[in-house]
Amino acid sequence: MDNSKVQEIIEKEVWTMAKAVKDKIDDEIHTLDRLDLDDIDVFREHRLQQTKKMSEKRSRWIARKV
Protein backbone atom coordinates (compact mmCIF):
# COMPACT_ATOMS: atom_id res chain seq x y z
CA MET A 1 0.00 0.00 0.00
CA ASP A 2 1.51 3.32 -1.00
CA ASN A 3 1.80 6.37 1.26
CA SER A 4 -0.92 8.35 -0.51
CA LYS A 5 -3.45 5.57 0.07
CA VAL A 6 -2.46 5.30 3.74
CA GLN A 7 -2.74 9.07 4.11
CA GLU A 8 -6.18 9.02 2.46
CA ILE A 9 -7.40 6.32 4.85
CA ILE A 10 -6.04 8.20 7.87
CA GLU A 11 -7.64 11.46 6.72
CA LYS A 12 -10.98 9.72 6.23
CA GLU A 13 -10.81 8.22 9.74
CA VAL A 14 -9.84 11.56 11.29
CA TRP A 15 -12.77 13.29 9.57
CA THR A 16 -15.12 10.53 10.73
CA MET A 17 -13.92 10.89 14.32
CA ALA A 18 -14.09 14.70 14.16
CA LYS A 19 -17.68 14.52 12.90
CA ALA A 20 -18.63 12.14 15.71
CA VAL A 21 -17.13 14.49 18.30
CA LYS A 22 -18.84 17.50 16.71
CA ASP A 23 -22.19 15.68 16.71
CA LYS A 24 -21.77 14.76 20.38
CA ILE A 25 -20.93 18.36 21.30
CA ASP A 26 -23.91 19.63 19.28
CA ASP A 27 -26.17 17.19 21.16
CA GLU A 28 -24.83 18.42 24.51
CA ILE A 29 -25.34 22.06 23.52
CA HIS A 30 -28.89 21.28 22.39
CA THR A 31 -29.59 19.58 25.73
CA LEU A 32 -28.21 22.54 27.66
CA ASP A 33 -30.23 24.98 25.57
CA ARG A 34 -33.43 23.18 26.58
CA LEU A 35 -32.76 23.45 30.32
CA ASP A 36 -35.16 25.56 32.32
CA LEU A 37 -34.83 27.02 35.83
CA ASP A 38 -36.26 23.87 37.44
CA ASP A 39 -33.58 21.75 35.78
CA ILE A 40 -30.88 24.13 36.96
CA ASP A 41 -32.28 24.01 40.50
CA VAL A 42 -32.09 20.21 40.42
CA PHE A 43 -28.45 20.36 39.29
CA ARG A 44 -27.69 22.95 41.97
CA GLU A 45 -29.27 20.82 44.70
CA HIS A 46 -27.40 17.73 43.50
CA ARG A 47 -24.11 19.64 43.52
CA LEU A 48 -24.84 21.01 47.00
CA GLN A 49 -25.43 17.47 48.29
CA GLN A 50 -22.15 16.31 46.69
CA THR A 51 -20.29 19.20 48.31
CA LYS A 52 -21.76 18.38 51.72
CA LYS A 53 -20.77 14.72 51.40
CA MET A 54 -17.22 15.65 50.39
CA SER A 55 -16.98 18.07 53.31
CA GLU A 56 -18.15 15.38 55.75
CA LYS A 57 -15.70 12.89 54.28
CA ARG A 58 -12.87 15.43 54.58
CA SER A 59 -13.80 16.12 58.20
CA ARG A 60 -13.72 12.40 59.00
CA TRP A 61 -10.29 12.05 57.39
CA ILE A 62 -8.94 15.01 59.35
CA ALA A 63 -10.38 13.58 62.60
CA ARG A 64 -8.65 10.24 61.96
CA LYS A 65 -5.26 11.84 61.40
CA VAL A 66 -5.27 13.70 64.70
PDB file of N, CA and C in Angstrom:
ATOM      1  N   MET A   1       0.855  -1.171   0.000  1.00  0.00           N
ATOM      2  CA  MET A   1       0.000   0.000   0.000  1.00  0.00           C
ATOM      3  C   MET A   1       0.901   1.234   0.000  1.00  0.00           C
ATOM      4  N   ASP A   2       0.644   2.140  -0.909  1.00  0.00           N
ATOM      5  CA  ASP A   2       1.505   3.321  -1.001  1.00  0.00           C
ATOM      6  C   ASP A   2       1.105   4.378   0.027  1.00  0.00           C
ATOM      7  N   ASN A   3       1.998   5.337   0.233  1.00  0.00           N
ATOM      8  CA  ASN A   3       1.798   6.366   1.255  1.00  0.00           C
ATOM      9  C   ASN A   3       0.559   7.219   1.016  1.00  0.00           C
ATOM     10  N   SER A   4       0.249   7.509  -0.236  1.00  0.00           N
ATOM     11  CA  SER A   4      -0.917   8.350  -0.511  1.00  0.00           C
ATOM     12  C   SER A   4      -2.214   7.642  -0.111  1.00  0.00           C
ATOM     13  N   LYS A   5      -2.270   6.343  -0.309  1.00  0.00           N
ATOM     14  CA  LYS A   5      -3.451   5.566   0.073  1.00  0.00           C
ATOM     15  C   LYS A   5      -3.583   5.515   1.601  1.00  0.00           C
ATOM     16  N   VAL A   6      -2.455   5.323   2.273  1.00  0.00           N
ATOM     17  CA  VAL A   6      -2.458   5.300   3.740  1.00  0.00           C
ATOM     18  C   VAL A   6      -2.908   6.657   4.270  1.00  0.00           C
ATOM     19  N   GLN A   7      -2.370   7.720   3.689  1.00  0.00           N
ATOM     20  CA  GLN A   7      -2.745   9.067   4.109  1.00  0.00           C
ATOM     21  C   GLN A   7      -4.235   9.312   3.885  1.00  0.00           C
ATOM     22  N   GLU A   8      -4.752   8.865   2.773  1.00  0.00           N
ATOM     23  CA  GLU A   8      -6.179   9.018   2.459  1.00  0.00           C
ATOM     24  C   GLU A   8      -7.036   8.304   3.495  1.00  0.00           C
ATOM     25  N   ILE A   9      -6.643   7.099   3.854  1.00  0.00           N
ATOM     26  CA  ILE A   9      -7.395   6.322   4.849  1.00  0.00           C
ATOM     27  C   ILE A   9      -7.355   7.025   6.209  1.00  0.00           C
ATOM     28  N   ILE A  10      -6.184   7.507   6.589  1.00  0.00           N
ATOM     29  CA  ILE A  10      -6.040   8.200   7.867  1.00  0.00           C
ATOM     30  C   ILE A  10      -6.893   9.469   7.877  1.00  0.00           C
ATOM     31  N   GLU A  11      -6.843  10.244   6.800  1.00  0.00           N
ATOM     32  CA  GLU A  11      -7.643  11.462   6.724  1.00  0.00           C
ATOM     33  C   GLU A  11      -9.132  11.158   6.839  1.00  0.00           C
ATOM     34  N   LYS A  12      -9.563  10.101   6.182  1.00  0.00           N
ATOM     35  CA  LYS A  12     -10.977   9.720   6.235  1.00  0.00           C
ATOM     36  C   LYS A  12     -11.370   9.357   7.668  1.00  0.00           C
ATOM     37  N   GLU A  13     -10.524   8.609   8.356  1.00  0.00           N
ATOM     38  CA  GLU A  13     -10.810   8.219   9.744  1.00  0.00           C
ATOM     39  C   GLU A  13     -10.820   9.432  10.670  1.00  0.00           C
ATOM     40  N   VAL A  14      -9.885  10.347  10.462  1.00  0.00           N
ATOM     41  CA  VAL A  14      -9.836  11.557  11.287  1.00  0.00           C
ATOM     42  C   VAL A  14     -11.107  12.376  11.085  1.00  0.00           C
ATOM     43  N   TRP A  15     -11.543  12.544   9.848  1.00  0.00           N
ATOM     44  CA  TRP A  15     -12.774  13.295   9.570  1.00  0.00           C
ATOM     45  C   TRP A  15     -13.987  12.602  10.194  1.00  0.00           C
ATOM     46  N   THR A  16     -14.016  11.286  10.133  1.00  0.00           N
ATOM     47  CA  THR A  16     -15.123  10.533  10.733  1.00  0.00           C
ATOM     48  C   THR A  16     -15.160  10.758  12.240  1.00  0.00           C
ATOM     49  N   MET A  17     -13.995  10.677  12.876  1.00  0.00           N
ATOM     50  CA  MET A  17     -13.921  10.894  14.318  1.00  0.00           C
ATOM     51  C   MET A  17     -14.272  12.330  14.673  1.00  0.00           C
ATOM     52  N   ALA A  18     -13.794  13.286  13.896  1.00  0.00           N
ATOM     53  CA  ALA A  18     -14.093  14.698  14.156  1.00  0.00           C
ATOM     54  C   ALA A  18     -15.591  14.952  14.041  1.00  0.00           C
ATOM     55  N   LYS A  19     -16.238  14.350  13.059  1.00  0.00           N
ATOM     56  CA  LYS A  19     -17.680  14.525  12.901  1.00  0.00           C
ATOM     57  C   LYS A  19     -18.427  13.925  14.090  1.00  0.00           C
ATOM     58  N   ALA A  20     -17.981  12.769  14.564  1.00  0.00           N
ATOM     59  CA  ALA A  20     -18.631  12.140  15.713  1.00  0.00           C
ATOM     60  C   ALA A  20     -18.505  13.023  16.952  1.00  0.00           C
ATOM     61  N   VAL A  21     -17.328  13.598  17.159  1.00  0.00           N
ATOM     62  CA  VAL A  21     -17.132  14.492  18.303  1.00  0.00           C
ATOM     63  C   VAL A  21     -17.993  15.740  18.158  1.00  0.00           C
ATOM     64  N   LYS A  22     -18.021  16.306  16.968  1.00  0.00           N
ATOM     65  CA  LYS A  22     -18.843  17.499  16.712  1.00  0.00           C
ATOM     66  C   LYS A  22     -20.316  17.200  16.976  1.00  0.00           C
ATOM     67  N   ASP A  23     -20.794  16.055  16.499  1.00  0.00           N
ATOM     68  CA  ASP A  23     -22.192  15.680  16.715  1.00  0.00           C
ATOM     69  C   ASP A  23     -22.493  15.534  18.205  1.00  0.00           C
ATOM     70  N   LYS A  24     -21.579  14.938  18.940  1.00  0.00           N
ATOM     71  CA  LYS A  24     -21.768  14.762  20.384  1.00  0.00           C
ATOM     72  C   LYS A  24     -21.819  16.120  21.076  1.00  0.00           C
ATOM     73  N   ILE A  25     -20.925  17.022  20.716  1.00  0.00           N
ATOM     74  CA  ILE A  25     -20.929  18.364  21.295  1.00  0.00           C
ATOM     75  C   ILE A  25     -22.212  19.096  20.944  1.00  0.00           C
ATOM     76  N   ASP A  26     -22.650  18.990  19.702  1.00  0.00           N
ATOM     77  CA  ASP A  26     -23.906  19.625  19.281  1.00  0.00           C
ATOM     78  C   ASP A  26     -25.086  19.094  20.094  1.00  0.00           C
ATOM     79  N   ASP A  27     -25.105  17.781  20.345  1.00  0.00           N
ATOM     80  CA  ASP A  27     -26.172  17.193  21.162  1.00  0.00           C
ATOM     81  C   ASP A  27     -26.150  17.754  22.577  1.00  0.00           C
ATOM     82  N   GLU A  28     -24.956  17.877  23.153  1.00  0.00           N
ATOM     83  CA  GLU A  28     -24.829  18.419  24.508  1.00  0.00           C
ATOM     84  C   GLU A  28     -25.299  19.872  24.560  1.00  0.00           C
ATOM     85  N   ILE A  29     -24.914  20.658  23.572  1.00  0.00           N
ATOM     86  CA  ILE A  29     -25.342  22.059  23.518  1.00  0.00           C
ATOM     87  C   ILE A  29     -26.861  22.143  23.396  1.00  0.00           C
ATOM     88  N   HIS A  30     -27.429  21.302  22.557  1.00  0.00           N
ATOM     89  CA  HIS A  30     -28.889  21.275  22.385  1.00  0.00           C
ATOM     90  C   HIS A  30     -29.573  20.934  23.712  1.00  0.00           C
ATOM     91  N   THR A  31     -29.027  19.960  24.428  1.00  0.00           N
ATOM     92  CA  THR A  31     -29.588  19.576  25.727  1.00  0.00           C
ATOM     93  C   THR A  31     -29.502  20.738  26.707  1.00  0.00           C
ATOM     94  N   LEU A  32     -28.361  21.404  26.746  1.00  0.00           N
ATOM     95  CA  LEU A  32     -28.205  22.544  27.657  1.00  0.00           C
ATOM     96  C   LEU A  32     -29.129  23.695  27.291  1.00  0.00           C
ATOM     97  N   ASP A  33     -29.335  23.908  26.007  1.00  0.00           N
ATOM     98  CA  ASP A  33     -30.229  24.975  25.565  1.00  0.00           C
ATOM     99  C   ASP A  33     -31.670  24.746  26.013  1.00  0.00           C
ATOM    100  N   ARG A  34     -32.049  23.496  26.197  1.00  0.00           N
ATOM    101  CA  ARG A  34     -33.427  23.183  26.579  1.00  0.00           C
ATOM    102  C   ARG A  34     -33.659  23.214  28.088  1.00  0.00           C
ATOM    103  N   LEU A  35     -32.600  23.430  28.870  1.00  0.00           N
ATOM    104  CA  LEU A  35     -32.762  23.455  30.320  1.00  0.00           C
ATOM    105  C   LEU A  35     -33.593  24.656  30.742  1.00  0.00           C
ATOM    106  N   ASP A  36     -34.430  24.437  31.754  1.00  0.00           N
ATOM    107  CA  ASP A  36     -35.158  25.561  32.323  1.00  0.00           C
ATOM    108  C   ASP A  36     -34.691  25.754  33.770  1.00  0.00           C
ATOM    109  N   LEU A  37     -35.286  26.702  34.471  1.00  0.00           N
ATOM    110  CA  LEU A  37     -34.833  27.015  35.830  1.00  0.00           C
ATOM    111  C   LEU A  37     -35.010  25.840  36.783  1.00  0.00           C
ATOM    112  N   ASP A  38     -36.058  25.046  36.590  1.00  0.00           N
ATOM    113  CA  ASP A  38     -36.259  23.874  37.444  1.00  0.00           C
ATOM    114  C   ASP A  38     -35.119  22.872  37.274  1.00  0.00           C
ATOM    115  N   ASP A  39     -34.691  22.662  36.036  1.00  0.00           N
ATOM    116  CA  ASP A  39     -33.576  21.751  35.777  1.00  0.00           C
ATOM    117  C   ASP A  39     -32.306  22.253  36.453  1.00  0.00           C
ATOM    118  N   ILE A  40     -32.076  23.544  36.354  1.00  0.00           N
ATOM    119  CA  ILE A  40     -30.882  24.134  36.959  1.00  0.00           C
ATOM    120  C   ILE A  40     -30.937  24.002  38.477  1.00  0.00           C
ATOM    121  N   ASP A  41     -32.122  24.180  39.053  1.00  0.00           N
ATOM    122  CA  ASP A  41     -32.278  24.015  40.498  1.00  0.00           C
ATOM    123  C   ASP A  41     -31.970  22.579  40.920  1.00  0.00           C
ATOM    124  N   VAL A  42     -32.378  21.616  40.120  1.00  0.00           N
ATOM    125  CA  VAL A  42     -32.090  20.207  40.421  1.00  0.00           C
ATOM    126  C   VAL A  42     -30.577  19.973  40.387  1.00  0.00           C
ATOM    127  N   PHE A  43     -29.910  20.496  39.366  1.00  0.00           N
ATOM    128  CA  PHE A  43     -28.452  20.362  39.291  1.00  0.00           C
ATOM    129  C   PHE A  43     -27.779  21.029  40.481  1.00  0.00           C
ATOM    130  N   ARG A  44     -28.259  22.212  40.839  1.00  0.00           N
ATOM    131  CA  ARG A  44     -27.689  22.952  41.966  1.00  0.00           C
ATOM    132  C   ARG A  44     -27.840  22.156  43.260  1.00  0.00           C
ATOM    133  N   GLU A  45     -29.016  21.605  43.493  1.00  0.00           N
ATOM    134  CA  GLU A  45     -29.266  20.825  44.702  1.00  0.00           C
ATOM    135  C   GLU A  45     -28.379  19.580  44.732  1.00  0.00           C
ATOM    136  N   HIS A  46     -28.257  18.923  43.589  1.00  0.00           N
ATOM    137  CA  HIS A  46     -27.402  17.730  43.505  1.00  0.00           C
ATOM    138  C   HIS A  46     -25.953  18.102  43.830  1.00  0.00           C
ATOM    139  N   ARG A  47     -25.480  19.194  43.273  1.00  0.00           N
ATOM    140  CA  ARG A  47     -24.108  19.637  43.519  1.00  0.00           C
ATOM    141  C   ARG A  47     -23.915  20.016  44.979  1.00  0.00           C
ATOM    142  N   LEU A  48     -24.907  20.654  45.591  1.00  0.00           N
ATOM    143  CA  LEU A  48     -24.836  21.009  46.997  1.00  0.00           C
ATOM    144  C   LEU A  48     -24.714  19.755  47.859  1.00  0.00           C
ATOM    145  N   GLN A  49     -25.504  18.727  47.548  1.00  0.00           N
ATOM    146  CA  GLN A  49     -25.425  17.470  48.291  1.00  0.00           C
ATOM    147  C   GLN A  49     -24.045  16.817  48.131  1.00  0.00           C
ATOM    148  N   GLN A  50     -23.496  16.858  46.915  1.00  0.00           N
ATOM    149  CA  GLN A  50     -22.151  16.312  46.692  1.00  0.00           C
ATOM    150  C   GLN A  50     -21.121  17.063  47.520  1.00  0.00           C
ATOM    151  N   THR A  51     -21.239  18.380  47.560  1.00  0.00           N
ATOM    152  CA  THR A  51     -20.294  19.198  48.314  1.00  0.00           C
ATOM    153  C   THR A  51     -20.381  18.888  49.802  1.00  0.00           C
ATOM    154  N   LYS A  52     -21.584  18.727  50.314  1.00  0.00           N
ATOM    155  CA  LYS A  52     -21.762  18.383  51.724  1.00  0.00           C
ATOM    156  C   LYS A  52     -21.131  17.034  52.043  1.00  0.00           C
ATOM    157  N   LYS A  53     -21.348  16.046  51.179  1.00  0.00           N
ATOM    158  CA  LYS A  53     -20.768  14.720  51.399  1.00  0.00           C
ATOM    159  C   LYS A  53     -19.242  14.778  51.389  1.00  0.00           C
ATOM    160  N   MET A  54     -18.683  15.534  50.462  1.00  0.00           N
ATOM    161  CA  MET A  54     -17.224  15.646  50.392  1.00  0.00           C
ATOM    162  C   MET A  54     -16.682  16.357  51.630  1.00  0.00           C
ATOM    163  N   SER A  55     -17.395  17.347  52.112  1.00  0.00           N
ATOM    164  CA  SER A  55     -16.977  18.066  53.307  1.00  0.00           C
ATOM    165  C   SER A  55     -17.010  17.140  54.520  1.00  0.00           C
ATOM    166  N   GLU A  56     -18.059  16.344  54.642  1.00  0.00           N
ATOM    167  CA  GLU A  56     -18.155  15.384  55.747  1.00  0.00           C
ATOM    168  C   GLU A  56     -17.030  14.354  55.670  1.00  0.00           C
ATOM    169  N   LYS A  57     -16.763  13.862  54.469  1.00  0.00           N
ATOM    170  CA  LYS A  57     -15.695  12.890  54.285  1.00  0.00           C
ATOM    171  C   LYS A  57     -14.343  13.501  54.677  1.00  0.00           C
ATOM    172  N   ARG A  58     -14.126  14.733  54.263  1.00  0.00           N
ATOM    173  CA  ARG A  58     -12.875  15.426  54.583  1.00  0.00           C
ATOM    174  C   ARG A  58     -12.740  15.592  56.097  1.00  0.00           C
ATOM    175  N   SER A  59     -13.828  15.959  56.755  1.00  0.00           N
ATOM    176  CA  SER A  59     -13.802  16.124  58.202  1.00  0.00           C
ATOM    177  C   SER A  59     -13.464  14.810  58.903  1.00  0.00           C
ATOM    178  N   ARG A  60     -14.023  13.708  58.421  1.00  0.00           N
ATOM    179  CA  ARG A  60     -13.720  12.400  58.999  1.00  0.00           C
ATOM    180  C   ARG A  60     -12.250  12.051  58.809  1.00  0.00           C
ATOM    181  N   TRP A  61     -11.694  12.333  57.648  1.00  0.00           N
ATOM    182  CA  TRP A  61     -10.288  12.054  57.390  1.00  0.00           C
ATOM    183  C   TRP A  61      -9.394  12.874  58.314  1.00  0.00           C
ATOM    184  N   ILE A  62      -9.748  14.138  58.480  1.00  0.00           N
ATOM    185  CA  ILE A  62      -8.945  15.009  59.351  1.00  0.00           C
ATOM    186  C   ILE A  62      -9.019  14.502  60.790  1.00  0.00           C
ATOM    187  N   ALA A  63     -10.216  14.084  61.218  1.00  0.00           N
ATOM    188  CA  ALA A  63     -10.380  13.581  62.596  1.00  0.00           C
ATOM    189  C   ALA A  63      -9.574  12.308  62.818  1.00  0.00           C
ATOM    190  N   ARG A  64      -9.434  11.484  61.824  1.00  0.00           N
ATOM    191  CA  ARG A  64      -8.653  10.237  61.959  1.00  0.00           C
ATOM    192  C   ARG A  64      -7.157  10.498  62.067  1.00  0.00           C
ATOM    193  N   LYS A  65      -6.696  11.537  61.415  1.00  0.00           N
ATOM    194  CA  LYS A  65      -5.263  11.839  61.404  1.00  0.00           C
ATOM    195  C   LYS A  65      -4.775  12.458  62.698  1.00  0.00           C
ATOM    196  N   VAL A  66      -5.682  13.018  63.465  1.00  0.00           N
ATOM    197  CA  VAL A  66      -5.272  13.700  64.704  1.00  0.00           C
ATOM    198  C   VAL A  66      -5.053  12.733  65.811  1.00  0.00           C
TER     199      VAL A  66
END
